[in-house]
Structure formats: structure tokens, C-alpha cells
Protein backbone atom coordinates (compact mmCIF):
# COMPACT_ATOMS: atom_id res chain seq x y z
CA UNK A 1 0.00 0.00 0.00
CA UNK A 2 1.38 3.47 -0.79
CA UNK A 3 2.79 5.81 1.84
CA UNK A 4 1.59 9.43 1.67
CA UNK A 5 2.96 12.66 3.13
CA UNK A 6 0.32 15.30 3.88
CA UNK A 7 1.75 18.78 4.34
CA UNK A 8 -0.34 21.71 5.54
CA UNK A 9 0.24 24.69 3.25
CA UNK A 10 -2.18 27.30 4.58
CA UNK A 11 -2.49 27.36 8.36
CA UNK A 12 -4.24 30.75 8.31
CA UNK A 13 -7.59 29.15 7.44
CA UNK A 14 -10.15 29.12 10.27
CA UNK A 15 -10.97 25.53 9.25
CA UNK A 16 -7.88 24.42 11.19
CA UNK A 17 -9.83 24.84 14.42
CA UNK A 18 -11.37 21.46 13.52
CA UNK A 19 -8.00 19.69 13.77
CA UNK A 20 -5.98 18.66 16.82
CA UNK A 21 -2.82 18.57 14.69
CA UNK A 22 -1.44 20.94 12.05
CA UNK A 23 1.93 19.47 11.16
CA UNK A 24 3.19 17.06 8.51
CA UNK A 25 1.57 13.63 8.58
CA UNK A 26 2.74 10.37 7.01
CA UNK A 27 -0.02 7.86 6.34
CA UNK A 28 -0.17 4.39 4.79
CA UNK A 29 -3.32 4.20 2.66
CA UNK A 30 -4.49 2.79 -0.66
CA UNK A 31 -5.29 6.20 -2.16
CA UNK A 32 -4.76 9.90 -1.48
CA UNK A 33 -8.43 10.12 -0.58
CA UNK A 34 -8.02 7.35 1.99
CA UNK A 35 -4.96 9.10 3.43
CA UNK A 36 -6.90 12.33 3.82
CA UNK A 37 -9.79 10.44 5.43
CA UNK A 38 -7.37 8.83 7.91
CA UNK A 39 -6.05 12.30 8.80
CA UNK A 40 -9.58 13.57 9.40
CA UNK A 41 -10.36 10.56 11.60
CA UNK A 42 -7.07 10.75 13.48
CA UNK A 43 -6.75 14.50 13.96
CA UNK A 44 -10.29 15.80 13.67
CA UNK A 45 -12.48 17.19 16.37
CA UNK A 46 -16.18 17.75 15.95
CA UNK A 47 -17.23 21.35 15.70
CA UNK A 48 -20.80 22.23 14.79
CA UNK A 49 -19.56 25.30 12.92
CA UNK A 50 -17.38 23.24 10.53
CA UNK A 51 -19.12 20.50 8.51
CA UNK A 52 -17.12 17.28 8.10
CA UNK A 53 -16.76 17.71 4.33
CA UNK A 54 -14.95 21.04 4.79
CA UNK A 55 -12.39 19.63 7.23
CA UNK A 56 -8.94 21.09 6.45
CA UNK A 57 -7.30 17.71 5.75
CA UNK A 58 -9.74 17.25 2.84
CA UNK A 59 -8.95 20.64 1.29
CA UNK A 60 -6.48 20.63 -1.61
CA UNK A 61 -5.81 24.34 -1.05
CA UNK A 62 -4.90 23.73 2.59
CA UNK A 63 -3.01 20.42 2.51
CA UNK A 64 -0.65 19.08 -0.15
CA UNK A 65 -0.44 15.32 -0.53
CA UNK A 66 2.32 13.34 -2.21
CA UNK A 67 3.14 9.66 -2.48
CA UNK A 68 6.49 8.76 -0.93
CA UNK A 69 8.72 6.26 -2.71
CA UNK A 70 11.17 4.24 -0.58
CA UNK A 71 9.86 5.84 2.60
CA UNK A 72 11.33 3.16 4.86
CA UNK A 73 7.90 2.36 6.29
CA UNK A 74 6.31 -1.05 5.71
CA UNK A 75 3.91 -0.91 2.78
CA UNK A 76 1.86 -3.86 3.98
CA UNK A 77 -0.87 -3.60 6.53
CA UNK A 78 -3.98 -1.53 7.10
CA UNK A 79 -4.45 2.18 6.63
CA UNK A 80 -2.62 3.85 9.49
CA UNK A 81 -1.08 7.15 10.57
CA UNK A 82 2.68 6.54 10.71
CA UNK A 83 3.71 10.05 11.77
CA UNK A 84 3.39 11.87 14.07
CA UNK A 85 4.16 9.11 16.55
CA UNK A 86 1.56 10.20 19.10
CA UNK A 87 -1.20 9.38 16.58
CA UNK A 88 0.07 5.99 15.42
CA UNK A 89 -1.96 2.94 16.28
CA UNK A 90 0.48 0.12 15.58
């Protein structure tokens, strides 16, 4: 399964209040969409003022996403947040 690096690029957006984390994340997931979904699930907090579909980790203008080649992380296993360490579940 691919390894993805998600990098916040616009932290000035008020949408970031819906996230417990605003740094670079590394996620093992089948697709970019799955990686972004894992970030929302792992870092998100529910706020009535911010609908789930506008969460910052979903926004292309707020978070860049790139597939990492030879990342050093195992490519087998379930979708998981690999970095930051405090959010990993394996």
C-alpha cells in the first residue's frame, strides 16, 4: 500500500480549528483520498460550525499530498497514521 505525506500549506484558514494537529503527517493508505480520510479521523475534532466535508485535511488548497517512494515504512498492513508518533496505532 502506498505511503503518503500530507503537508499543511495554509495554516491561516479558520478551518484548522477542527484539527488537533497541524503538522506534517505520514499515512499508509491505498489512495490519497483514503490518506486524507485517515487524517480527518485521526486529527479531527467535531465542531458544529465546521461541517465534516470542509475539514482542512480534505482541502487541496490547505493540505498538499504526495506519495512517498522508498519511505522506509512497511507498505503492507492496514491504513494507518505513521507520523506523528503520538497518533500511530500500531
